Amino acid sequence: MKSLPSDRVSKVDACCLHTRLRRESKKLTGARREILRVLEKESRPLTIKEIFQLLPKGRCDLATVYRSIQMLEELGMVKKFVFGDGSARFAFISEGSDAHRHHLVCTSCQKIVEIGECIVRELEERVVAKSQFKAVTHRLEFFGVCPACQ
């Protein structure tokens, strides 16, 4: 288990982001650009409040972050993760990415580590073969106590 590989998420290119948003008749505002940059730099999903705290001071208010994240999630540029602690977290999704991720979450300090591989893909394929379902997907998160909290 390691941090997000550097080749997993491309650099937030203003031209690329502009193109993705324009396809949906949306603008790349300064606030949206900064929110996406914050998410791109992090190797773990962030809460709305964490995103807000990492933005340059005075760039936008908390309500703008909420609205922007909701819109970016609807456009598939951001993915929402829920780890059962009452706080939704969000991660940047590069264009063309399947956004498939698994995490290890510390139940004491809420530290989140991305697991670099999908260990249940083979099981998913067997489920598809047996059930004849289409578009089968899965969500898998692990919970435990990190070394720092032990």
C-alpha atoms as a PDB file:
ATOM      1  CA  MET A   1       0.000   0.000   0.000  1.00  0.00           C
ATOM      2  CA  LYS A   2       1.408   3.287  -1.040  1.00  0.00           C
ATOM      3  CA  SER A   3       0.552   6.795  -2.002  1.00  0.00           C
ATOM      4  CA  LEU A   4      -1.043   7.563  -5.314  1.00  0.00           C
ATOM      5  CA  PRO A   5       1.348   6.699  -8.160  1.00  0.00           C
ATOM      6  CA  SER A   6       2.511   9.795  -9.994  1.00  0.00           C
ATOM      7  CA  ASP A   7       1.301   8.438 -13.334  1.00  0.00           C
ATOM      8  CA  ARG A   8      -2.211   7.784 -11.984  1.00  0.00           C
ATOM      9  CA  VAL A   9      -3.413  11.375 -12.126  1.00  0.00           C
ATOM     10  CA  SER A  10      -2.223  13.762 -14.785  1.00  0.00           C
ATOM     11  CA  LYS A  11      -1.321  17.356 -13.983  1.00  0.00           C
ATOM     12  CA  VAL A  12      -4.302  19.657 -13.908  1.00  0.00           C
ATOM     13  CA  ASP A  13      -3.926  21.329 -17.271  1.00  0.00           C
ATOM     14  CA  ALA A  14      -6.087  24.450 -17.558  1.00  0.00           C
ATOM     15  CA  CYS A  15      -6.710  23.835 -21.262  1.00  0.00           C
ATOM     16  CA  CYS A  16      -7.847  20.240 -20.655  1.00  0.00           C
ATOM     17  CA  LEU A  17     -10.085  21.259 -17.749  1.00  0.00           C
ATOM     18  CA  HIS A  18     -11.523  24.112 -19.801  1.00  0.00           C
ATOM     19  CA  THR A  19     -12.356  21.661 -22.607  1.00  0.00           C
ATOM     20  CA  ARG A  20     -13.984  19.156 -20.250  1.00  0.00           C
ATOM     21  CA  LEU A  21     -16.142  21.846 -18.667  1.00  0.00           C
ATOM     22  CA  ARG A  22     -17.044  23.538 -21.973  1.00  0.00           C
ATOM     23  CA  ARG A  23     -18.421  20.219 -23.265  1.00  0.00           C
ATOM     24  CA  GLU A  24     -21.038  20.562 -20.538  1.00  0.00           C
ATOM     25  CA  SER A  25     -21.526  24.323 -21.077  1.00  0.00           C
ATOM     26  CA  LYS A  26     -19.703  25.157 -17.825  1.00  0.00           C
ATOM     27  CA  LYS A  27     -16.903  27.636 -17.186  1.00  0.00           C
ATOM     28  CA  LEU A  28     -13.510  27.001 -15.600  1.00  0.00           C
ATOM     29  CA  THR A  29     -13.696  29.658 -12.907  1.00  0.00           C
ATOM     30  CA  GLY A  30     -10.725  30.508 -10.722  1.00  0.00           C
ATOM     31  CA  ALA A  31     -12.363  28.764  -7.768  1.00  0.00           C
ATOM     32  CA  ARG A  32     -13.010  25.558  -9.742  1.00  0.00           C
ATOM     33  CA  ARG A  33      -9.452  25.548 -11.070  1.00  0.00           C
ATOM     34  CA  GLU A  34      -8.041  25.920  -7.540  1.00  0.00           C
ATOM     35  CA  ILE A  35     -10.347  23.199  -6.149  1.00  0.00           C
ATOM     36  CA  LEU A  36      -9.239  20.787  -8.868  1.00  0.00           C
ATOM     37  CA  ARG A  37      -5.577  21.652  -8.259  1.00  0.00           C
ATOM     38  CA  VAL A  38      -5.970  20.927  -4.536  1.00  0.00           C
ATOM     39  CA  LEU A  39      -7.579  17.555  -5.285  1.00  0.00           C
ATOM     40  CA  GLU A  40      -4.971  16.679  -7.921  1.00  0.00           C
ATOM     41  CA  LYS A  41      -2.106  17.282  -5.503  1.00  0.00           C
ATOM     42  CA  GLU A  42      -3.491  15.006  -2.774  1.00  0.00           C
ATOM     43  CA  SER A  43      -2.978  11.242  -2.746  1.00  0.00           C
ATOM     44  CA  ARG A  44      -6.144  10.697  -0.718  1.00  0.00           C
ATOM     45  CA  PRO A  45      -9.758  11.830  -1.000  1.00  0.00           C
ATOM     46  CA  LEU A  46     -10.518  15.044   0.914  1.00  0.00           C
ATOM     47  CA  THR A  47     -13.583  16.348   2.730  1.00  0.00           C
ATOM     48  CA  ILE A  48     -15.135  19.622   1.615  1.00  0.00           C
ATOM     49  CA  LYS A  49     -13.708  21.352   4.694  1.00  0.00           C
ATOM     50  CA  GLU A  50     -10.206  19.974   3.991  1.00  0.00           C
ATOM     51  CA  ILE A  51     -10.446  21.247   0.417  1.00  0.00           C
ATOM     52  CA  PHE A  52     -11.558  24.667   1.676  1.00  0.00           C
ATOM     53  CA  GLN A  53      -8.672  24.834   4.173  1.00  0.00           C
ATOM     54  CA  LEU A  54      -6.124  24.023   1.439  1.00  0.00           C
ATOM     55  CA  LEU A  55      -7.379  26.716  -0.954  1.00  0.00           C
ATOM     56  CA  PRO A  56      -5.550  30.044  -1.112  1.00  0.00           C
ATOM     57  CA  LYS A  57      -7.122  32.375   1.459  1.00  0.00           C
ATOM     58  CA  GLY A  58      -9.899  34.532   0.068  1.00  0.00           C
ATOM     59  CA  ARG A  59     -10.187  32.507  -3.151  1.00  0.00           C
ATOM     60  CA  CYS A  60     -13.784  31.466  -2.461  1.00  0.00           C
ATOM     61  CA  ASP A  61     -16.185  30.724   0.356  1.00  0.00           C
ATOM     62  CA  LEU A  62     -17.255  27.340   1.720  1.00  0.00           C
ATOM     63  CA  ALA A  63     -20.600  27.453  -0.115  1.00  0.00           C
ATOM     64  CA  THR A  64     -18.757  27.853  -3.429  1.00  0.00           C
ATOM     65  CA  VAL A  65     -16.671  24.774  -2.635  1.00  0.00           C
ATOM     66  CA  TYR A  66     -19.843  22.746  -1.918  1.00  0.00           C
ATOM     67  CA  ARG A  67     -21.534  23.896  -5.143  1.00  0.00           C
ATOM     68  CA  SER A  68     -18.404  23.396  -7.243  1.00  0.00           C
ATOM     69  CA  ILE A  69     -17.751  19.892  -5.892  1.00  0.00           C
ATOM     70  CA  GLN A  70     -21.353  18.887  -6.550  1.00  0.00           C
ATOM     71  CA  MET A  71     -21.136  20.139 -10.137  1.00  0.00           C
ATOM     72  CA  LEU A  72     -17.695  18.566 -10.733  1.00  0.00           C
ATOM     73  CA  GLU A  73     -18.976  15.233  -9.384  1.00  0.00           C
ATOM     74  CA  GLU A  74     -21.991  15.369 -11.721  1.00  0.00           C
ATOM     75  CA  LEU A  75     -19.575  15.972 -14.618  1.00  0.00           C
ATOM     76  CA  GLY A  76     -17.402  12.992 -13.636  1.00  0.00           C
ATOM     77  CA  MET A  77     -14.359  15.121 -12.838  1.00  0.00           C
ATOM     78  CA  VAL A  78     -14.517  14.306  -9.130  1.00  0.00           C
ATOM     79  CA  LYS A  79     -15.461  11.049  -7.412  1.00  0.00           C
ATOM     80  CA  LYS A  80     -17.191  10.832  -4.050  1.00  0.00           C
ATOM     81  CA  PHE A  81     -16.034   8.342  -1.407  1.00  0.00           C
ATOM     82  CA  VAL A  82     -17.970   7.511   1.761  1.00  0.00           C
ATOM     83  CA  PHE A  83     -16.131   5.645   4.522  1.00  0.00           C
ATOM     84  CA  GLY A  84     -18.965   5.472   7.055  1.00  0.00           C
ATOM     85  CA  ASP A  85     -17.769   8.261   9.341  1.00  0.00           C
ATOM     86  CA  GLY A  86     -20.367  10.812   8.261  1.00  0.00           C
ATOM     87  CA  SER A  87     -18.018  12.772   5.981  1.00  0.00           C
ATOM     88  CA  ALA A  88     -18.024  12.432   2.212  1.00  0.00           C
ATOM     89  CA  ARG A  89     -14.606  12.723   0.603  1.00  0.00           C
ATOM     90  CA  PHE A  90     -13.711  13.660  -2.948  1.00  0.00           C
ATOM     91  CA  ALA A  91     -10.879  12.894  -5.355  1.00  0.00           C
ATOM     92  CA  PHE A  92      -9.936  14.289  -8.774  1.00  0.00           C
ATOM     93  CA  ILE A  93     -10.579  11.904 -11.661  1.00  0.00           C
ATOM     94  CA  SER A  94      -8.415  12.376 -14.713  1.00  0.00           C
ATOM     95  CA  GLU A  95     -10.141  12.134 -18.080  1.00  0.00           C
ATOM     96  CA  GLY A  96     -10.298   8.571 -19.330  1.00  0.00           C
ATOM     97  CA  SER A  97      -9.728   7.126 -15.848  1.00  0.00           C
ATOM     98  CA  ASP A  98     -12.121   4.459 -14.575  1.00  0.00           C
ATOM     99  CA  ALA A  99     -11.841   6.092 -11.116  1.00  0.00           C
ATOM    100  CA  HIS A 100     -11.599   2.659  -9.536  1.00  0.00           C
ATOM    101  CA  ARG A 101      -9.881   2.833  -6.148  1.00  0.00           C
ATOM    102  CA  HIS A 102      -9.717   0.962  -2.859  1.00  0.00           C
ATOM    103  CA  HIS A 103      -8.623   2.438   0.462  1.00  0.00           C
ATOM    104  CA  LEU A 104      -7.388   1.481   3.890  1.00  0.00           C
ATOM    105  CA  VAL A 105      -8.900   3.733   6.575  1.00  0.00           C
ATOM    106  CA  CYS A 106      -7.617   4.106  10.147  1.00  0.00           C
ATOM    107  CA  THR A 107     -10.557   3.862  12.544  1.00  0.00           C
ATOM    108  CA  SER A 108      -8.721   5.985  15.122  1.00  0.00           C
ATOM    109  CA  CYS A 109      -7.308   8.982  13.237  1.00  0.00           C
ATOM    110  CA  GLN A 110      -9.165   8.611   9.892  1.00  0.00           C
ATOM    111  CA  LYS A 111      -5.883   8.412   7.928  1.00  0.00           C
ATOM    112  CA  ILE A 112      -6.621   7.144   4.429  1.00  0.00           C
ATOM    113  CA  VAL A 113      -4.188   5.174   2.295  1.00  0.00           C
ATOM    114  CA  GLU A 114      -4.970   4.168  -1.263  1.00  0.00           C
ATOM    115  CA  ILE A 115      -4.384   0.510  -2.049  1.00  0.00           C
ATOM    116  CA  GLY A 116      -2.466   0.413  -5.310  1.00  0.00           C
ATOM    117  CA  GLU A 117      -4.110  -2.669  -6.760  1.00  0.00           C
ATOM    118  CA  CYS A 118      -7.550  -4.197  -7.140  1.00  0.00           C
ATOM    119  CA  ILE A 119      -7.470  -7.608  -5.521  1.00  0.00           C
ATOM    120  CA  VAL A 120     -11.071  -8.535  -6.309  1.00  0.00           C
ATOM    121  CA  ARG A 121     -11.156  -8.029 -10.074  1.00  0.00           C
ATOM    122  CA  GLU A 122     -10.946 -11.758 -10.683  1.00  0.00           C
ATOM    123  CA  LEU A 123     -13.809 -12.374  -8.250  1.00  0.00           C
ATOM    124  CA  GLU A 124     -15.856  -9.701 -10.034  1.00  0.00           C
ATOM    125  CA  GLU A 125     -15.309 -11.504 -13.347  1.00  0.00           C
ATOM    126  CA  ARG A 126     -16.511 -14.804 -11.819  1.00  0.00           C
ATOM    127  CA  VAL A 127     -19.611 -13.075 -10.425  1.00  0.00           C
ATOM    128  CA  VAL A 128     -20.385 -11.652 -13.882  1.00  0.00           C
ATOM    129  CA  ALA A 129     -19.935 -15.072 -15.506  1.00  0.00           C
ATOM    130  CA  LYS A 130     -22.205 -16.826 -12.985  1.00  0.00           C
ATOM    131  CA  SER A 131     -24.893 -14.148 -12.649  1.00  0.00           C
ATOM    132  CA  GLN A 132     -24.959 -12.916 -16.263  1.00  0.00           C
ATOM    133  CA  PHE A 133     -25.362  -9.382 -14.903  1.00  0.00           C
ATOM    134  CA  LYS A 134     -24.044  -6.527 -17.026  1.00  0.00           C
ATOM    135  CA  ALA A 135     -21.954  -3.564 -15.824  1.00  0.00           C
ATOM    136  CA  VAL A 136     -20.985  -5.218 -12.536  1.00  0.00           C
ATOM    137  CA  THR A 137     -18.811  -3.116 -10.296  1.00  0.00           C
ATOM    138  CA  HIS A 138     -17.749  -3.193  -6.674  1.00  0.00           C
ATOM    139  CA  ARG A 139     -16.650  -1.004  -3.807  1.00  0.00           C
ATOM    140  CA  LEU A 140     -14.160  -2.255  -1.256  1.00  0.00           C
ATOM    141  CA  GLU A 141     -12.659  -0.403   1.668  1.00  0.00           C
ATOM    142  CA  PHE A 142     -10.554  -1.815   4.492  1.00  0.00           C
ATOM    143  CA  PHE A 143     -10.654  -0.469   8.043  1.00  0.00           C
ATOM    144  CA  GLY A 144      -8.063  -0.906  10.781  1.00  0.00           C
ATOM    145  CA  VAL A 145      -5.694   0.906  13.110  1.00  0.00           C
ATOM    146  CA  CYS A 146      -2.646   2.536  11.512  1.00  0.00           C
ATOM    147  CA  PRO A 147       0.878   2.093  12.974  1.00  0.00           C
ATOM    148  CA  ALA A 148       0.847   5.616  14.451  1.00  0.00           C
ATOM    149  CA  CYS A 149      -2.340   4.896  16.432  1.00  0.00           C
ATOM    150  CA  GLN A 150      -1.406   1.401  17.659  1.00  0.00           C
END
